[in-house]
Amino acid sequence: QKQVDFLDSGAMLFVYMHETGHMMIAELNLPATGPEEDVADEFATFTIAALMTNAPENQKDFYANVLYSGALFWKLDAQNEDPRHIQWSDEHAPSLKRYFNILCIAYGADPGRFKAISLREGVTENRLQRCLEDYKRQYQVLDRLFAPYERNPPSAAGAGLTAKFADPGNPEW
């Protein structure tokens, strides 16, 4: 039960970061360098991978498990898809493709933690090499894209957030 709860929580954190990716695109007017659903998945994956990479060694496995939970959600969801009836025109990639895309980025971020699962899932050595190259390239692009929006350290002058609340226009809200 504890493992199921953790996988559930990890998947929810991934979904939260995915939706945050949509928000970043909309609120900061960022370009989506591909289908927005794929870009939001990439945002979530890169964000959680960055947390994993920058975490102290004793916390890296936690973030790796959160990352894998997000991927696993799509693998499990794929069991509900009939491959003969995939809606190729849908804005969302098929679930199994999303699973492998997330796994590829995770491998690029930390090959040591994600190689065994990637190979077990049938990702070839050639594809894993490409995942490393893709990760480095995509990371550089995202780093450049988000650099102007990085928050000052909390100790810097002017750092902080300001929340503005407005009348929602509907008293029921």
N, C-alpha and C. Protein backbone atom coordinates (compact mmCIF):
# COMPACT_ATOMS: atom_id res chain seq x y z
N GLN A 1 0.82 -1.19 0.00
CA GLN A 1 0.00 0.00 0.00
C GLN A 1 0.86 1.26 0.00
N LYS A 2 1.94 1.23 0.77
CA LYS A 2 2.81 2.40 0.87
C LYS A 2 3.42 2.74 -0.50
N GLN A 3 3.83 1.70 -1.25
CA GLN A 3 4.42 1.93 -2.56
C GLN A 3 3.37 2.50 -3.53
N VAL A 4 2.15 1.99 -3.47
CA VAL A 4 1.08 2.50 -4.33
C VAL A 4 0.81 3.97 -4.00
N ASP A 5 0.79 4.30 -2.72
CA ASP A 5 0.57 5.69 -2.33
C ASP A 5 1.68 6.58 -2.85
N PHE A 6 2.93 6.10 -2.77
CA PHE A 6 4.05 6.90 -3.26
C PHE A 6 3.96 7.09 -4.78
N LEU A 7 3.65 6.01 -5.50
CA LEU A 7 3.52 6.11 -6.96
C LEU A 7 2.40 7.07 -7.32
N ASP A 8 1.30 7.00 -6.59
CA ASP A 8 0.18 7.90 -6.83
C ASP A 8 0.59 9.35 -6.58
N SER A 9 1.26 9.59 -5.48
CA SER A 9 1.72 10.95 -5.15
C SER A 9 2.73 11.45 -6.18
N GLY A 10 3.63 10.58 -6.60
CA GLY A 10 4.62 10.96 -7.61
C GLY A 10 3.97 11.32 -8.93
N ALA A 11 2.98 10.53 -9.32
CA ALA A 11 2.27 10.81 -10.57
C ALA A 11 1.52 12.13 -10.48
N MET A 12 0.94 12.40 -9.32
CA MET A 12 0.22 13.67 -9.14
C MET A 12 1.18 14.86 -9.18
N LEU A 13 2.36 14.71 -8.60
CA LEU A 13 3.36 15.77 -8.67
C LEU A 13 3.77 16.02 -10.12
N PHE A 14 3.91 14.93 -10.88
CA PHE A 14 4.26 15.06 -12.29
C PHE A 14 3.15 15.82 -13.04
N VAL A 15 1.90 15.45 -12.80
CA VAL A 15 0.78 16.13 -13.46
C VAL A 15 0.76 17.61 -13.07
N TYR A 16 1.02 17.89 -11.80
CA TYR A 16 1.08 19.27 -11.34
C TYR A 16 2.15 20.05 -12.12
N MET A 17 3.31 19.46 -12.28
CA MET A 17 4.39 20.13 -13.02
C MET A 17 4.03 20.24 -14.51
N HIS A 18 3.34 19.26 -15.04
CA HIS A 18 2.87 19.32 -16.44
C HIS A 18 1.95 20.53 -16.61
N GLU A 19 1.00 20.68 -15.71
CA GLU A 19 0.07 21.82 -15.79
C GLU A 19 0.79 23.13 -15.55
N THR A 20 1.81 23.13 -14.71
CA THR A 20 2.64 24.32 -14.52
C THR A 20 3.33 24.69 -15.82
N GLY A 21 3.73 23.70 -16.60
CA GLY A 21 4.31 23.97 -17.92
C GLY A 21 3.35 24.72 -18.82
N HIS A 22 2.08 24.29 -18.83
CA HIS A 22 1.07 25.02 -19.60
C HIS A 22 0.94 26.46 -19.11
N MET A 23 0.95 26.63 -17.77
CA MET A 23 0.83 27.96 -17.21
C MET A 23 2.01 28.83 -17.63
N MET A 24 3.22 28.28 -17.59
CA MET A 24 4.41 29.04 -17.97
C MET A 24 4.31 29.50 -19.43
N ILE A 25 3.86 28.62 -20.29
CA ILE A 25 3.71 28.97 -21.70
C ILE A 25 2.70 30.11 -21.85
N ALA A 26 1.57 30.00 -21.16
CA ALA A 26 0.51 31.01 -21.30
C ALA A 26 0.89 32.33 -20.62
N GLU A 27 1.33 32.26 -19.38
CA GLU A 27 1.55 33.49 -18.60
C GLU A 27 2.80 34.24 -19.02
N LEU A 28 3.83 33.52 -19.44
CA LEU A 28 5.07 34.19 -19.84
C LEU A 28 5.16 34.35 -21.36
N ASN A 29 4.10 33.90 -22.04
CA ASN A 29 4.06 33.98 -23.50
C ASN A 29 5.30 33.31 -24.12
N LEU A 30 5.64 32.14 -23.58
CA LEU A 30 6.81 31.41 -24.08
C LEU A 30 6.43 30.63 -25.33
N PRO A 31 7.37 30.47 -26.21
CA PRO A 31 7.08 29.65 -27.39
C PRO A 31 7.02 28.17 -27.01
N ALA A 32 6.06 27.48 -27.54
CA ALA A 32 6.03 26.02 -27.41
C ALA A 32 6.76 25.49 -28.64
N THR A 33 7.87 24.84 -28.40
CA THR A 33 8.73 24.41 -29.50
C THR A 33 8.29 23.07 -30.10
N GLY A 34 7.04 22.77 -29.96
CA GLY A 34 6.43 21.55 -30.48
C GLY A 34 5.00 21.53 -29.98
N PRO A 35 4.30 20.42 -30.15
CA PRO A 35 2.94 20.36 -29.61
C PRO A 35 2.96 20.68 -28.11
N GLU A 36 2.06 21.55 -27.67
CA GLU A 36 2.12 22.05 -26.30
C GLU A 36 2.01 20.94 -25.27
N GLU A 37 1.25 19.91 -25.53
CA GLU A 37 1.15 18.79 -24.58
C GLU A 37 2.51 18.12 -24.41
N ASP A 38 3.24 17.94 -25.48
CA ASP A 38 4.58 17.35 -25.39
C ASP A 38 5.53 18.28 -24.64
N VAL A 39 5.42 19.58 -24.93
CA VAL A 39 6.27 20.57 -24.27
C VAL A 39 5.98 20.60 -22.77
N ALA A 40 4.71 20.48 -22.38
CA ALA A 40 4.37 20.46 -20.96
C ALA A 40 4.92 19.21 -20.28
N ASP A 41 4.88 18.07 -20.97
CA ASP A 41 5.51 16.86 -20.44
C ASP A 41 7.00 17.08 -20.26
N GLU A 42 7.63 17.69 -21.25
CA GLU A 42 9.07 17.95 -21.17
C GLU A 42 9.38 18.90 -20.02
N PHE A 43 8.56 19.93 -19.85
CA PHE A 43 8.77 20.86 -18.74
C PHE A 43 8.75 20.11 -17.42
N ALA A 44 7.72 19.28 -17.22
CA ALA A 44 7.60 18.52 -15.97
C ALA A 44 8.80 17.61 -15.79
N THR A 45 9.19 16.92 -16.85
CA THR A 45 10.29 15.97 -16.75
C THR A 45 11.61 16.68 -16.45
N PHE A 46 11.89 17.74 -17.17
CA PHE A 46 13.14 18.48 -16.94
C PHE A 46 13.16 19.12 -15.56
N THR A 47 12.01 19.62 -15.09
CA THR A 47 11.96 20.25 -13.77
C THR A 47 12.25 19.23 -12.67
N ILE A 48 11.59 18.08 -12.74
CA ILE A 48 11.81 17.06 -11.73
C ILE A 48 13.22 16.48 -11.85
N ALA A 49 13.71 16.33 -13.10
CA ALA A 49 15.08 15.84 -13.29
C ALA A 49 16.09 16.83 -12.71
N ALA A 50 15.82 18.12 -12.83
CA ALA A 50 16.72 19.13 -12.25
C ALA A 50 16.72 19.04 -10.73
N LEU A 51 15.54 18.81 -10.15
CA LEU A 51 15.48 18.61 -8.70
C LEU A 51 16.32 17.40 -8.29
N MET A 52 16.21 16.32 -9.07
CA MET A 52 16.97 15.11 -8.79
C MET A 52 18.47 15.37 -8.91
N THR A 53 18.86 16.01 -9.99
CA THR A 53 20.28 16.26 -10.25
C THR A 53 20.90 17.14 -9.18
N ASN A 54 20.15 18.14 -8.72
CA ASN A 54 20.68 19.10 -7.75
C ASN A 54 20.47 18.71 -6.30
N ALA A 55 19.75 17.63 -6.06
CA ALA A 55 19.46 17.20 -4.69
C ALA A 55 20.71 16.58 -4.05
N PRO A 56 20.78 16.64 -2.73
CA PRO A 56 21.84 15.89 -2.05
C PRO A 56 21.72 14.41 -2.40
N GLU A 57 22.81 13.71 -2.36
CA GLU A 57 22.84 12.29 -2.78
C GLU A 57 21.76 11.46 -2.09
N ASN A 58 21.49 11.72 -0.82
CA ASN A 58 20.51 10.91 -0.08
C ASN A 58 19.06 11.22 -0.48
N GLN A 59 18.85 12.21 -1.37
CA GLN A 59 17.50 12.54 -1.83
C GLN A 59 17.28 12.27 -3.32
N LYS A 60 18.34 11.92 -4.03
CA LYS A 60 18.23 11.72 -5.47
C LYS A 60 17.26 10.60 -5.83
N ASP A 61 17.29 9.50 -5.08
CA ASP A 61 16.38 8.39 -5.39
C ASP A 61 14.92 8.80 -5.24
N PHE A 62 14.64 9.67 -4.27
CA PHE A 62 13.27 10.16 -4.10
C PHE A 62 12.78 10.82 -5.39
N TYR A 63 13.57 11.75 -5.93
CA TYR A 63 13.15 12.46 -7.14
C TYR A 63 13.15 11.54 -8.36
N ALA A 64 14.08 10.59 -8.39
CA ALA A 64 14.07 9.61 -9.49
C ALA A 64 12.78 8.80 -9.45
N ASN A 65 12.33 8.45 -8.26
CA ASN A 65 11.08 7.70 -8.13
C ASN A 65 9.88 8.55 -8.51
N VAL A 66 9.91 9.82 -8.16
CA VAL A 66 8.82 10.72 -8.57
C VAL A 66 8.79 10.81 -10.09
N LEU A 67 9.95 10.96 -10.69
CA LEU A 67 10.05 11.04 -12.14
C LEU A 67 9.52 9.77 -12.79
N TYR A 68 9.93 8.64 -12.27
CA TYR A 68 9.45 7.39 -12.85
C TYR A 68 7.95 7.20 -12.61
N SER A 69 7.44 7.67 -11.50
CA SER A 69 5.99 7.58 -11.24
C SER A 69 5.21 8.32 -12.31
N GLY A 70 5.72 9.50 -12.70
CA GLY A 70 5.06 10.26 -13.76
C GLY A 70 5.07 9.51 -15.08
N ALA A 71 6.18 8.87 -15.38
CA ALA A 71 6.26 8.07 -16.61
C ALA A 71 5.35 6.86 -16.53
N LEU A 72 5.39 6.18 -15.39
CA LEU A 72 4.61 4.95 -15.21
C LEU A 72 3.12 5.20 -15.38
N PHE A 73 2.66 6.38 -14.97
CA PHE A 73 1.26 6.73 -15.17
C PHE A 73 0.86 6.51 -16.63
N TRP A 74 1.73 6.96 -17.55
CA TRP A 74 1.40 6.85 -18.97
C TRP A 74 1.50 5.42 -19.47
N LYS A 75 2.42 4.64 -18.91
CA LYS A 75 2.51 3.23 -19.29
C LYS A 75 1.24 2.50 -18.88
N LEU A 76 0.78 2.78 -17.67
CA LEU A 76 -0.46 2.15 -17.19
C LEU A 76 -1.66 2.63 -17.99
N ASP A 77 -1.69 3.92 -18.32
CA ASP A 77 -2.79 4.46 -19.11
C ASP A 77 -2.84 3.81 -20.50
N ALA A 78 -1.68 3.47 -21.02
CA ALA A 78 -1.63 2.85 -22.36
C ALA A 78 -2.37 1.51 -22.40
N GLN A 79 -2.50 0.87 -21.25
CA GLN A 79 -3.23 -0.40 -21.21
C GLN A 79 -4.70 -0.21 -21.53
N ASN A 80 -5.18 1.03 -21.43
CA ASN A 80 -6.58 1.32 -21.76
C ASN A 80 -6.76 1.77 -23.20
N GLU A 81 -5.66 1.92 -23.93
CA GLU A 81 -5.73 2.37 -25.32
C GLU A 81 -5.74 1.16 -26.25
N ASP A 82 -6.65 1.18 -27.17
CA ASP A 82 -6.67 0.15 -28.22
C ASP A 82 -5.76 0.64 -29.34
N PRO A 83 -4.64 -0.04 -29.59
CA PRO A 83 -3.70 0.45 -30.61
C PRO A 83 -4.33 0.59 -32.00
N ARG A 84 -5.43 -0.09 -32.22
CA ARG A 84 -6.09 0.02 -33.53
C ARG A 84 -6.94 1.28 -33.63
N HIS A 85 -7.17 1.95 -32.49
CA HIS A 85 -8.04 3.11 -32.48
C HIS A 85 -7.40 4.34 -31.84
N ILE A 86 -6.10 4.46 -31.94
CA ILE A 86 -5.42 5.64 -31.40
C ILE A 86 -5.80 6.84 -32.26
N GLN A 87 -6.15 7.92 -31.60
CA GLN A 87 -6.53 9.15 -32.29
C GLN A 87 -5.26 9.93 -32.63
N TRP A 88 -4.69 9.66 -33.78
CA TRP A 88 -3.41 10.28 -34.15
C TRP A 88 -3.52 11.79 -34.32
N SER A 89 -4.73 12.29 -34.52
CA SER A 89 -4.89 13.74 -34.67
C SER A 89 -5.09 14.43 -33.32
N ASP A 90 -5.17 13.68 -32.23
CA ASP A 90 -5.36 14.26 -30.91
C ASP A 90 -4.14 15.10 -30.53
N GLU A 91 -4.38 16.13 -29.70
CA GLU A 91 -3.27 16.99 -29.27
C GLU A 91 -2.32 16.27 -28.32
N HIS A 92 -2.77 15.18 -27.71
CA HIS A 92 -1.93 14.39 -26.82
C HIS A 92 -1.32 13.24 -27.60
N ALA A 93 -0.04 12.98 -27.38
CA ALA A 93 0.61 11.81 -27.97
C ALA A 93 0.02 10.56 -27.32
N PRO A 94 0.08 9.43 -28.00
CA PRO A 94 -0.37 8.20 -27.36
C PRO A 94 0.40 7.98 -26.05
N SER A 95 -0.27 7.39 -25.09
CA SER A 95 0.29 7.26 -23.74
C SER A 95 1.63 6.54 -23.71
N LEU A 96 1.77 5.48 -24.50
CA LEU A 96 3.04 4.75 -24.48
C LEU A 96 4.18 5.59 -25.04
N LYS A 97 3.89 6.43 -26.02
CA LYS A 97 4.91 7.35 -26.54
C LYS A 97 5.31 8.35 -25.46
N ARG A 98 4.35 8.84 -24.71
CA ARG A 98 4.65 9.77 -23.62
C ARG A 98 5.54 9.09 -22.58
N TYR A 99 5.23 7.83 -22.27
CA TYR A 99 6.04 7.05 -21.31
C TYR A 99 7.50 7.00 -21.76
N PHE A 100 7.70 6.62 -23.02
CA PHE A 100 9.07 6.48 -23.51
C PHE A 100 9.78 7.83 -23.65
N ASN A 101 9.05 8.89 -23.99
CA ASN A 101 9.67 10.22 -24.06
C ASN A 101 10.17 10.66 -22.68
N ILE A 102 9.36 10.44 -21.66
CA ILE A 102 9.76 10.81 -20.30
C ILE A 102 10.94 9.95 -19.85
N LEU A 103 10.88 8.66 -20.13
CA LEU A 103 11.97 7.75 -19.77
C LEU A 103 13.28 8.17 -20.45
N CYS A 104 13.20 8.62 -21.68
CA CYS A 104 14.38 9.06 -22.43
C CYS A 104 15.02 10.29 -21.78
N ILE A 105 14.20 11.26 -21.42
CA ILE A 105 14.73 12.46 -20.76
C ILE A 105 15.33 12.09 -19.41
N ALA A 106 14.63 11.23 -18.68
CA ALA A 106 15.15 10.80 -17.37
C ALA A 106 16.50 10.12 -17.52
N TYR A 107 16.64 9.28 -18.54
CA TYR A 107 17.92 8.63 -18.79
C TYR A 107 18.99 9.67 -19.13
N GLY A 108 18.64 10.63 -19.95
CA GLY A 108 19.59 11.68 -20.29
C GLY A 108 20.07 12.45 -19.07
N ALA A 109 19.17 12.64 -18.10
CA ALA A 109 19.52 13.37 -16.88
C ALA A 109 20.38 12.53 -15.95
N ASP A 110 20.11 11.23 -15.88
CA ASP A 110 20.83 10.37 -14.94
C ASP A 110 20.88 8.94 -15.49
N PRO A 111 21.83 8.69 -16.39
CA PRO A 111 21.91 7.35 -16.99
C PRO A 111 22.05 6.23 -15.96
N GLY A 112 22.77 6.48 -14.90
CA GLY A 112 22.99 5.45 -13.90
C GLY A 112 21.70 4.97 -13.25
N ARG A 113 20.80 5.88 -13.00
CA ARG A 113 19.54 5.52 -12.35
C ARG A 113 18.50 4.98 -13.32
N PHE A 114 18.61 5.31 -14.60
CA PHE A 114 17.54 4.95 -15.54
C PHE A 114 17.96 3.97 -16.64
N LYS A 115 19.20 3.52 -16.63
CA LYS A 115 19.64 2.60 -17.69
C LYS A 115 18.96 1.24 -17.58
N ALA A 116 18.96 0.65 -16.39
CA ALA A 116 18.39 -0.70 -16.24
C ALA A 116 16.92 -0.74 -16.65
N ILE A 117 16.14 0.22 -16.16
CA ILE A 117 14.71 0.22 -16.49
C ILE A 117 14.52 0.49 -17.98
N SER A 118 15.33 1.36 -18.56
CA SER A 118 15.21 1.67 -19.99
C SER A 118 15.48 0.43 -20.83
N LEU A 119 16.56 -0.28 -20.51
CA LEU A 119 16.89 -1.51 -21.25
C LEU A 119 15.81 -2.56 -21.04
N ARG A 120 15.34 -2.69 -19.83
CA ARG A 120 14.29 -3.68 -19.52
C ARG A 120 13.02 -3.37 -20.32
N GLU A 121 12.75 -2.09 -20.56
CA GLU A 121 11.56 -1.69 -21.31
C GLU A 121 11.76 -1.79 -22.82
N GLY A 122 12.97 -2.17 -23.26
CA GLY A 122 13.20 -2.38 -24.68
C GLY A 122 13.84 -1.22 -25.41
N VAL A 123 14.31 -0.21 -24.68
CA VAL A 123 15.01 0.90 -25.33
C VAL A 123 16.40 0.40 -25.73
N THR A 124 16.76 0.59 -26.98
CA THR A 124 18.05 0.08 -27.46
C THR A 124 19.20 0.97 -27.01
N GLU A 125 20.40 0.42 -27.04
CA GLU A 125 21.61 1.20 -26.70
C GLU A 125 21.74 2.41 -27.63
N ASN A 126 21.41 2.22 -28.92
CA ASN A 126 21.47 3.34 -29.86
C ASN A 126 20.52 4.46 -29.45
N ARG A 127 19.32 4.10 -29.06
CA ARG A 127 18.34 5.10 -28.65
C ARG A 127 18.78 5.78 -27.35
N LEU A 128 19.39 5.01 -26.44
CA LEU A 128 19.87 5.60 -25.20
C LEU A 128 20.96 6.64 -25.48
N GLN A 129 21.81 6.35 -26.44
CA GLN A 129 22.84 7.34 -26.81
C GLN A 129 22.19 8.61 -27.34
N ARG A 130 21.16 8.42 -28.13
CA ARG A 130 20.43 9.57 -28.67
C ARG A 130 19.73 10.34 -27.55
N CYS A 131 19.22 9.62 -26.55
CA CYS A 131 18.58 10.27 -25.40
C CYS A 131 19.57 11.18 -24.68
N LEU A 132 20.82 10.74 -24.54
CA LEU A 132 21.84 11.59 -23.91
C LEU A 132 22.05 12.87 -24.71
N GLU A 133 22.17 12.72 -26.02
CA GLU A 133 22.39 13.89 -26.89
C GLU A 133 21.17 14.81 -26.88
N ASP A 134 19.98 14.23 -26.98
CA ASP A 134 18.75 15.03 -26.96
C ASP A 134 18.61 15.78 -25.64
N TYR A 135 18.92 15.11 -24.55
CA TYR A 135 18.81 15.74 -23.24
C TYR A 135 19.71 16.97 -23.16
N LYS A 136 20.96 16.82 -23.56
CA LYS A 136 21.90 17.95 -23.48
C LYS A 136 21.43 19.12 -24.34
N ARG A 137 20.95 18.82 -25.53
CA ARG A 137 20.48 19.88 -26.42
C ARG A 137 19.23 20.55 -25.87
N GLN A 138 18.26 19.76 -25.45
CA GLN A 138 17.01 20.32 -24.92
C GLN A 138 17.27 21.10 -23.63
N TYR A 139 18.17 20.60 -22.80
CA TYR A 139 18.48 21.29 -21.55
C TYR A 139 19.03 22.69 -21.84
N GLN A 140 19.93 22.78 -22.82
CA GLN A 140 20.50 24.08 -23.18
C GLN A 140 19.42 25.03 -23.68
N VAL A 141 18.50 24.52 -24.48
CA VAL A 141 17.42 25.36 -25.01
C VAL A 141 16.53 25.85 -23.87
N LEU A 142 16.12 24.94 -22.99
CA LEU A 142 15.26 25.34 -21.88
C LEU A 142 15.97 26.28 -20.92
N ASP A 143 17.24 26.04 -20.69
CA ASP A 143 18.02 26.91 -19.81
C ASP A 143 18.04 28.34 -20.36
N ARG A 144 18.24 28.47 -21.66
CA ARG A 144 18.24 29.79 -22.29
C ARG A 144 16.86 30.42 -22.27
N LEU A 145 15.85 29.60 -22.51
CA LEU A 145 14.47 30.09 -22.57
C LEU A 145 14.00 30.63 -21.21
N PHE A 146 14.37 29.93 -20.14
CA PHE A 146 13.90 30.33 -18.81
C PHE A 146 14.84 31.27 -18.08
N ALA A 147 16.04 31.50 -18.58
CA ALA A 147 17.01 32.34 -17.89
C ALA A 147 16.46 33.72 -17.53
N PRO A 148 15.74 34.39 -18.41
CA PRO A 148 15.24 35.73 -18.03
C PRO A 148 14.20 35.70 -16.90
N TYR A 149 13.65 34.53 -16.62
CA TYR A 149 12.57 34.44 -15.63
C TYR A 149 13.03 33.84 -14.31
N GLU A 150 14.30 33.54 -14.20
CA GLU A 150 14.78 32.97 -12.95
C GLU A 150 14.61 33.97 -11.83
N ARG A 151 14.14 33.48 -10.74
CA ARG A 151 13.89 34.32 -9.58
C ARG A 151 15.21 34.63 -8.89
N ASN A 152 15.33 35.85 -8.40
CA ASN A 152 16.50 36.23 -7.61
C ASN A 152 16.53 35.38 -6.35
N PRO A 153 17.72 35.14 -5.84
CA PRO A 153 17.78 34.44 -4.55
C PRO A 153 16.99 35.23 -3.52
N PRO A 154 16.40 34.55 -2.54
CA PRO A 154 15.57 35.24 -1.55
C PRO A 154 16.27 36.41 -0.87
N SER A 155 17.59 36.39 -0.78
CA SER A 155 18.31 37.46 -0.10
C SER A 155 18.54 38.68 -1.00
N ALA A 156 18.27 38.55 -2.30
CA ALA A 156 18.53 39.65 -3.23
C ALA A 156 17.49 40.76 -3.06
N ALA A 157 17.92 41.96 -3.33
CA ALA A 157 17.00 43.11 -3.25
C ALA A 157 15.88 42.93 -4.27
N GLY A 158 14.68 43.18 -3.84
CA GLY A 158 13.54 43.09 -4.76
C GLY A 158 13.02 41.68 -4.97
N ALA A 159 13.61 40.69 -4.31
CA ALA A 159 13.15 39.32 -4.47
C ALA A 159 11.81 39.15 -3.79
N GLY A 160 11.06 38.21 -4.26
CA GLY A 160 9.77 37.91 -3.63
C GLY A 160 8.67 37.91 -4.66
N LEU A 161 7.52 37.48 -4.22
CA LEU A 161 6.36 37.41 -5.09
C LEU A 161 5.29 38.34 -4.55
N THR A 162 4.51 38.88 -5.44
CA THR A 162 3.38 39.70 -5.05
C THR A 162 2.12 39.04 -5.60
N ALA A 163 1.18 38.77 -4.73
CA ALA A 163 -0.09 38.20 -5.16
C ALA A 163 -1.11 39.31 -5.26
N LYS A 164 -1.84 39.33 -6.36
CA LYS A 164 -2.90 40.31 -6.56
C LYS A 164 -4.22 39.55 -6.65
N PHE A 165 -5.17 39.93 -5.81
CA PHE A 165 -6.46 39.28 -5.80
C PHE A 165 -7.48 40.25 -6.37
N ALA A 166 -8.30 39.74 -7.25
CA ALA A 166 -9.32 40.58 -7.87
C ALA A 166 -10.67 39.91 -7.70
N ASP A 167 -11.70 40.71 -7.83
CA ASP A 167 -13.05 40.19 -7.77
C ASP A 167 -13.22 39.21 -8.93
N PRO A 168 -13.66 38.00 -8.64
CA PRO A 168 -13.80 37.03 -9.74
C PRO A 168 -14.91 37.35 -10.71
N GLY A 169 -15.76 38.30 -10.36
CA GLY A 169 -16.84 38.68 -11.26
C GLY A 169 -18.09 37.85 -11.05
N ASN A 170 -17.99 36.76 -10.35
CA ASN A 170 -19.14 35.91 -10.09
C ASN A 170 -19.15 35.61 -8.59
N PRO A 171 -20.14 36.06 -7.85
CA PRO A 171 -20.16 35.87 -6.40
C PRO A 171 -20.14 34.40 -6.00
N GLU A 172 -20.60 33.49 -6.85
CA GLU A 172 -20.59 32.07 -6.51
C GLU A 172 -19.17 31.51 -6.45
N TRP A 173 -18.23 32.15 -7.12
CA TRP A 173 -16.85 31.66 -7.13
C TRP A 173 -16.21 31.99 -5.81
